[in-house]
């Protein structure tokens, strides 16, 4: 083997390695660009999800405050209803209970009470 053949083999190997390296580099570059795009998309999705999560937390806090307020109002209404029912029961019990006081007599149509002497 002379030097010319050896140089041609080395040159062919170098050209093949360069072509293979270029092909691999081109493929790796395309793959890296695709991964960067996916990463950017996932970061944007994560940011949007974080924003929606924050909004959901704020809504939960607001709804809890409203629920607490409504529970308080409901409790007050129920207490008022119980108090009214108790008052009505007391009023009925008073009306139905016998008393030692005679009922009031109605005045006659002329507005004067009977004034007959008791003998």
N, C-alpha and C. Protein backbone atom coordinates (compact mmCIF):
# COMPACT_ATOMS: atom_id res chain seq x y z
N UNK A 1 0.82 -1.15 0.00
CA UNK A 1 0.00 0.00 0.00
C UNK A 1 0.88 1.23 0.00
N UNK A 2 0.60 2.00 -0.89
CA UNK A 2 1.42 3.21 -0.94
C UNK A 2 0.69 4.35 -0.26
N UNK A 3 1.33 5.42 -0.15
CA UNK A 3 0.83 6.57 0.60
C UNK A 3 -0.41 7.18 -0.05
N UNK A 4 -0.54 7.09 -1.35
CA UNK A 4 -1.69 7.66 -2.06
C UNK A 4 -2.96 6.91 -1.70
N UNK A 5 -2.84 5.58 -1.66
CA UNK A 5 -4.02 4.79 -1.29
C UNK A 5 -4.39 5.06 0.16
N UNK A 6 -3.41 5.14 1.03
CA UNK A 6 -3.65 5.38 2.43
C UNK A 6 -4.30 6.75 2.65
N UNK A 7 -3.79 7.74 1.89
CA UNK A 7 -4.38 9.08 2.01
C UNK A 7 -5.81 9.09 1.48
N UNK A 8 -6.07 8.35 0.42
CA UNK A 8 -7.43 8.32 -0.11
C UNK A 8 -8.37 7.62 0.86
N UNK A 9 -7.89 6.57 1.52
CA UNK A 9 -8.72 5.87 2.52
C UNK A 9 -8.99 6.79 3.71
N UNK A 10 -7.95 7.45 4.17
CA UNK A 10 -8.11 8.39 5.30
C UNK A 10 -9.02 9.53 4.90
N UNK A 11 -8.89 10.03 3.69
CA UNK A 11 -9.73 11.13 3.21
C UNK A 11 -11.18 10.67 3.09
N UNK A 12 -11.40 9.45 2.60
CA UNK A 12 -12.76 8.92 2.50
C UNK A 12 -13.36 8.72 3.88
N UNK A 13 -12.54 8.20 4.79
CA UNK A 13 -13.04 8.01 6.16
C UNK A 13 -13.36 9.36 6.81
N UNK A 14 -12.51 10.34 6.58
CA UNK A 14 -12.75 11.67 7.14
C UNK A 14 -14.00 12.29 6.53
N UNK A 15 -14.16 12.10 5.20
CA UNK A 15 -15.36 12.64 4.54
C UNK A 15 -16.61 11.94 5.05
N UNK A 16 -16.55 10.63 5.25
CA UNK A 16 -17.69 9.88 5.79
C UNK A 16 -18.02 10.31 7.22
N UNK A 17 -16.95 10.48 8.00
CA UNK A 17 -17.16 10.91 9.39
C UNK A 17 -17.75 12.31 9.43
N UNK A 18 -17.26 13.17 8.55
CA UNK A 18 -17.80 14.53 8.49
C UNK A 18 -19.25 14.52 8.06
N UNK A 19 -19.58 13.69 7.06
CA UNK A 19 -20.96 13.59 6.59
C UNK A 19 -21.85 13.01 7.69
N UNK A 20 -21.36 11.96 8.37
CA UNK A 20 -22.14 11.37 9.45
C UNK A 20 -22.31 12.36 10.59
N UNK A 21 -21.24 13.06 10.93
CA UNK A 21 -21.31 14.08 11.99
C UNK A 21 -22.27 15.20 11.62
N UNK A 22 -22.23 15.61 10.37
CA UNK A 22 -23.16 16.66 9.91
C UNK A 22 -24.59 16.18 9.97
N UNK A 23 -24.82 14.94 9.55
CA UNK A 23 -26.18 14.38 9.61
C UNK A 23 -26.68 14.27 11.05
N UNK A 24 -25.81 13.78 11.91
CA UNK A 24 -26.19 13.66 13.31
C UNK A 24 -26.40 15.05 13.92
N UNK A 25 -25.55 15.98 13.57
CA UNK A 25 -25.70 17.36 14.06
C UNK A 25 -27.01 17.97 13.59
N UNK A 26 -27.33 17.76 12.31
CA UNK A 26 -28.59 18.28 11.76
C UNK A 26 -29.78 17.65 12.48
N UNK A 27 -29.74 16.32 12.69
CA UNK A 27 -30.82 15.63 13.40
C UNK A 27 -30.91 16.13 14.85
N UNK A 28 -29.76 16.28 15.50
CA UNK A 28 -29.76 16.74 16.90
C UNK A 28 -30.28 18.18 16.99
N UNK A 29 -29.93 18.99 16.01
CA UNK A 29 -30.41 20.38 16.00
C UNK A 29 -31.93 20.42 15.87
N UNK A 30 -32.47 19.63 14.95
CA UNK A 30 -33.93 19.57 14.77
C UNK A 30 -34.60 19.06 16.04
N UNK A 31 -34.00 18.06 16.64
CA UNK A 31 -34.56 17.49 17.87
C UNK A 31 -34.52 18.53 19.01
N UNK A 32 -33.42 19.26 19.12
CA UNK A 32 -33.29 20.28 20.16
C UNK A 32 -34.31 21.40 19.95
N UNK A 33 -34.53 21.80 18.70
CA UNK A 33 -35.52 22.85 18.41
C UNK A 33 -36.92 22.35 18.79
N UNK A 34 -37.22 21.11 18.45
CA UNK A 34 -38.53 20.55 18.79
C UNK A 34 -38.70 20.47 20.31
N UNK A 35 -37.65 20.06 21.02
CA UNK A 35 -37.73 19.98 22.48
C UNK A 35 -37.88 21.37 23.11
N UNK A 36 -37.20 22.36 22.54
CA UNK A 36 -37.34 23.73 23.05
C UNK A 36 -38.77 24.24 22.88
N UNK A 37 -39.37 23.91 21.72
CA UNK A 37 -40.75 24.31 21.49
C UNK A 37 -41.69 23.64 22.49
N UNK A 38 -41.48 22.34 22.72
CA UNK A 38 -42.31 21.62 23.69
C UNK A 38 -42.13 22.19 25.09
N UNK A 39 -40.87 22.52 25.42
CA UNK A 39 -40.59 23.10 26.73
C UNK A 39 -41.27 24.45 26.89
N UNK A 40 -41.19 25.28 25.85
CA UNK A 40 -41.85 26.59 25.90
C UNK A 40 -43.36 26.42 26.04
N UNK A 41 -43.92 25.47 25.31
CA UNK A 41 -45.36 25.21 25.41
C UNK A 41 -45.75 24.71 26.79
N UNK A 42 -44.93 23.82 27.35
CA UNK A 42 -45.26 23.30 28.68
C UNK A 42 -45.10 24.38 29.75
N UNK A 43 -44.11 25.26 29.58
CA UNK A 43 -43.95 26.36 30.53
C UNK A 43 -45.13 27.32 30.45
N UNK A 44 -45.60 27.59 29.24
CA UNK A 44 -46.77 28.45 29.08
C UNK A 44 -48.00 27.79 29.69
N UNK A 45 -48.15 26.49 29.49
CA UNK A 45 -49.29 25.76 30.07
C UNK A 45 -49.19 25.76 31.59
N UNK A 46 -47.98 25.59 32.12
CA UNK A 46 -47.80 25.60 33.57
C UNK A 46 -48.12 26.98 34.14
N UNK A 47 -47.72 28.04 33.45
CA UNK A 47 -48.04 29.39 33.91
C UNK A 47 -49.54 29.64 33.88
N UNK A 48 -50.19 29.19 32.82
CA UNK A 48 -51.65 29.35 32.72
C UNK A 48 -52.34 28.54 33.82
N UNK A 49 -51.85 27.33 34.07
CA UNK A 49 -52.45 26.50 35.13
C UNK A 49 -52.25 27.13 36.49
N UNK A 50 -51.08 27.72 36.72
CA UNK A 50 -50.82 28.39 38.00
C UNK A 50 -51.76 29.59 38.17
N UNK A 51 -51.98 30.33 37.09
CA UNK A 51 -52.88 31.48 37.15
C UNK A 51 -54.32 31.02 37.43
N UNK A 52 -54.76 29.98 36.74
CA UNK A 52 -56.11 29.45 36.99
C UNK A 52 -56.23 28.91 38.41
N UNK A 53 -55.17 28.29 38.90
CA UNK A 53 -55.17 27.77 40.27
C UNK A 53 -55.29 28.92 41.27
N UNK A 54 -54.58 30.01 41.03
CA UNK A 54 -54.66 31.18 41.91
C UNK A 54 -56.07 31.77 41.87
N UNK A 55 -56.65 31.86 40.69
CA UNK A 55 -58.01 32.38 40.58
C UNK A 55 -58.99 31.47 41.30
N UNK A 56 -58.79 30.15 41.17
CA UNK A 56 -59.67 29.20 41.86
C UNK A 56 -59.54 29.35 43.37
N UNK A 57 -58.32 29.55 43.86
CA UNK A 57 -58.13 29.76 45.30
C UNK A 57 -58.86 31.01 45.77
N UNK A 58 -58.75 32.08 45.00
CA UNK A 58 -59.44 33.32 45.35
C UNK A 58 -60.96 33.10 45.36
N UNK A 59 -61.46 32.37 44.39
CA UNK A 59 -62.89 32.10 44.36
C UNK A 59 -63.31 31.25 45.55
N UNK A 60 -62.48 30.29 45.93
CA UNK A 60 -62.80 29.45 47.09
C UNK A 60 -62.86 30.31 48.35
N UNK A 61 -61.90 31.21 48.51
CA UNK A 61 -61.91 32.09 49.68
C UNK A 61 -63.16 32.96 49.67
N UNK A 62 -63.49 33.51 48.53
CA UNK A 62 -64.69 34.36 48.42
C UNK A 62 -65.95 33.55 48.73
N UNK A 63 -66.04 32.34 48.18
CA UNK A 63 -67.21 31.51 48.43
C UNK A 63 -67.30 31.09 49.89
N UNK A 64 -66.15 30.83 50.53
CA UNK A 64 -66.17 30.49 51.95
C UNK A 64 -66.66 31.67 52.78
N UNK A 65 -66.24 32.88 52.42
CA UNK A 65 -66.70 34.07 53.14
C UNK A 65 -68.20 34.24 52.96
N UNK A 66 -68.69 34.07 51.73
CA UNK A 66 -70.13 34.19 51.48
C UNK A 66 -70.90 33.11 52.23
N UNK A 67 -70.35 31.90 52.25
CA UNK A 67 -71.01 30.80 52.95
C UNK A 67 -71.08 31.08 54.45
N UNK A 68 -70.01 31.60 55.01
CA UNK A 68 -70.01 31.95 56.43
C UNK A 68 -71.05 33.02 56.71
N UNK A 69 -71.12 34.02 55.85
CA UNK A 69 -72.11 35.09 56.01
C UNK A 69 -73.52 34.52 55.92
N UNK A 70 -73.78 33.67 54.91
CA UNK A 70 -75.11 33.11 54.74
C UNK A 70 -75.49 32.19 55.89
N UNK A 71 -74.51 31.44 56.41
CA UNK A 71 -74.80 30.59 57.57
C UNK A 71 -75.18 31.44 58.77
N UNK A 72 -74.47 32.56 58.95
CA UNK A 72 -74.82 33.47 60.04
C UNK A 72 -76.23 34.02 59.88
N UNK A 73 -76.56 34.43 58.66
CA UNK A 73 -77.91 34.95 58.41
C UNK A 73 -78.96 33.87 58.62
N UNK A 74 -78.67 32.64 58.19
CA UNK A 74 -79.61 31.54 58.38
C UNK A 74 -79.79 31.26 59.87
N UNK A 75 -78.70 31.26 60.61
CA UNK A 75 -78.79 31.05 62.05
C UNK A 75 -79.64 32.12 62.71
N UNK A 76 -79.45 33.36 62.28
CA UNK A 76 -80.24 34.47 62.85
C UNK A 76 -81.71 34.30 62.49
N UNK A 77 -82.00 33.93 61.25
CA UNK A 77 -83.38 33.73 60.84
C UNK A 77 -84.03 32.59 61.61
N UNK A 78 -83.29 31.50 61.78
CA UNK A 78 -83.84 30.37 62.54
C UNK A 78 -84.07 30.76 63.99
N UNK A 79 -83.15 31.53 64.57
CA UNK A 79 -83.33 31.98 65.95
C UNK A 79 -84.56 32.89 66.05
N UNK A 80 -84.73 33.78 65.06
CA UNK A 80 -85.91 34.67 65.05
C UNK A 80 -87.19 33.85 64.92
N UNK A 81 -87.18 32.82 64.07
CA UNK A 81 -88.37 31.98 63.91
C UNK A 81 -88.68 31.24 65.20
N UNK A 82 -87.65 30.69 65.85
CA UNK A 82 -87.87 29.99 67.12
C UNK A 82 -88.44 30.94 68.17
N UNK A 83 -87.90 32.15 68.19
CA UNK A 83 -88.37 33.13 69.16
C UNK A 83 -89.84 33.49 68.87
N UNK A 84 -90.19 33.67 67.60
CA UNK A 84 -91.58 33.97 67.25
C UNK A 84 -92.49 32.80 67.61
N UNK A 85 -92.04 31.58 67.36
CA UNK A 85 -92.85 30.42 67.71
C UNK A 85 -93.04 30.32 69.22
N UNK A 86 -91.97 30.60 69.97
CA UNK A 86 -92.09 30.57 71.42
C UNK A 86 -93.06 31.64 71.90
N UNK A 87 -92.97 32.83 71.32
CA UNK A 87 -93.90 33.90 71.70
C UNK A 87 -95.33 33.52 71.39
N UNK A 88 -95.53 32.89 70.22
CA UNK A 88 -96.88 32.47 69.84
C UNK A 88 -97.39 31.40 70.80
N UNK A 89 -96.53 30.47 71.20
CA UNK A 89 -96.94 29.45 72.15
C UNK A 89 -97.30 30.05 73.50
N UNK A 90 -96.50 31.01 73.94
CA UNK A 90 -96.79 31.68 75.22
C UNK A 90 -98.09 32.44 75.12
N UNK A 91 -98.32 33.11 73.99
CA UNK A 91 -99.56 33.87 73.82
C UNK A 91 -100.76 32.92 73.82
N UNK A 92 -100.64 31.77 73.13
CA UNK A 92 -101.73 30.79 73.12
C UNK A 92 -101.96 30.24 74.52
N UNK A 93 -100.87 29.94 75.21
CA UNK A 93 -101.01 29.40 76.57
C UNK A 93 -101.68 30.41 77.48
N UNK A 94 -101.34 31.68 77.35
CA UNK A 94 -101.98 32.72 78.16
C UNK A 94 -103.45 32.85 77.80
N UNK A 95 -103.75 32.76 76.52
CA UNK A 95 -105.14 32.93 76.09
C UNK A 95 -105.99 31.75 76.56
N UNK A 96 -105.41 30.57 76.59
CA UNK A 96 -106.17 29.38 76.96
C UNK A 96 -106.20 29.14 78.46
N UNK A 97 -105.27 29.72 79.20
CA UNK A 97 -105.19 29.48 80.64
C UNK A 97 -106.35 30.16 81.35
N UNK A 98 -106.93 29.47 82.34
CA UNK A 98 -108.01 30.11 83.12
C UNK A 98 -107.43 31.20 84.02
N UNK A 99 -108.20 32.26 84.18
CA UNK A 99 -107.77 33.36 85.04
C UNK A 99 -108.84 33.62 86.08
N UNK A 100 -108.47 34.34 87.11
CA UNK A 100 -109.41 34.70 88.16
C UNK A 100 -110.10 36.03 87.86
N UNK A 101 -109.71 36.67 86.84
CA UNK A 101 -110.28 37.96 86.46
C UNK A 101 -111.42 37.70 85.49
N UNK A 102 -112.54 38.37 85.77
CA UNK A 102 -113.67 38.23 84.87
C UNK A 102 -113.38 38.96 83.57
N UNK A 103 -113.94 38.49 82.49
CA UNK A 103 -113.70 39.19 81.23
C UNK A 103 -114.36 40.56 81.25
N UNK A 104 -113.82 41.44 80.54
CA UNK A 104 -114.31 42.81 80.48
C UNK A 104 -115.65 42.83 79.75
N UNK A 105 -116.57 43.59 80.31
CA UNK A 105 -117.87 43.69 79.66
C UNK A 105 -117.80 44.76 78.59
N UNK A 106 -118.51 44.49 77.57
CA UNK A 106 -118.58 45.47 76.48
C UNK A 106 -119.56 46.57 76.87
N UNK A 107 -119.25 47.77 76.48
CA UNK A 107 -120.16 48.89 76.72
C UNK A 107 -121.34 48.80 75.76
N UNK A 108 -122.51 49.23 76.21
CA UNK A 108 -123.64 49.25 75.31
C UNK A 108 -123.41 50.22 74.16
N UNK A 109 -124.30 50.16 73.21
CA UNK A 109 -124.16 50.97 72.00
C UNK A 109 -124.20 52.46 72.32
N UNK A 110 -124.89 52.88 73.40
CA UNK A 110 -124.95 54.31 73.71
C UNK A 110 -123.70 54.80 74.41
N UNK A 111 -122.81 53.88 74.80
CA UNK A 111 -121.55 54.29 75.39
C UNK A 111 -121.56 54.39 76.88
N UNK A 112 -122.69 54.15 77.55
CA UNK A 112 -122.77 54.25 79.00
C UNK A 112 -122.99 52.88 79.61
N UNK A 113 -122.34 52.64 80.74
CA UNK A 113 -122.52 51.37 81.42
C UNK A 113 -123.84 51.37 82.17
N UNK A 114 -124.31 50.17 82.51
CA UNK A 114 -125.54 50.08 83.30
C UNK A 114 -125.29 50.68 84.67
N UNK A 115 -126.22 51.47 85.14
CA UNK A 115 -126.04 52.13 86.43
C UNK A 115 -127.18 51.82 87.39
N UNK A 116 -127.73 50.69 87.25
CA UNK A 116 -128.82 50.31 88.16
C UNK A 116 -128.23 50.02 89.54
N UNK A 117 -128.92 50.52 90.58
CA UNK A 117 -128.41 50.25 91.92
C UNK A 117 -128.62 48.80 92.28
N UNK A 118 -127.68 48.27 92.99
CA UNK A 118 -127.79 46.90 93.46
C UNK A 118 -128.48 46.93 94.80
N UNK A 119 -129.58 46.23 94.98
CA UNK A 119 -130.32 46.28 96.25
C UNK A 119 -130.00 45.15 97.14
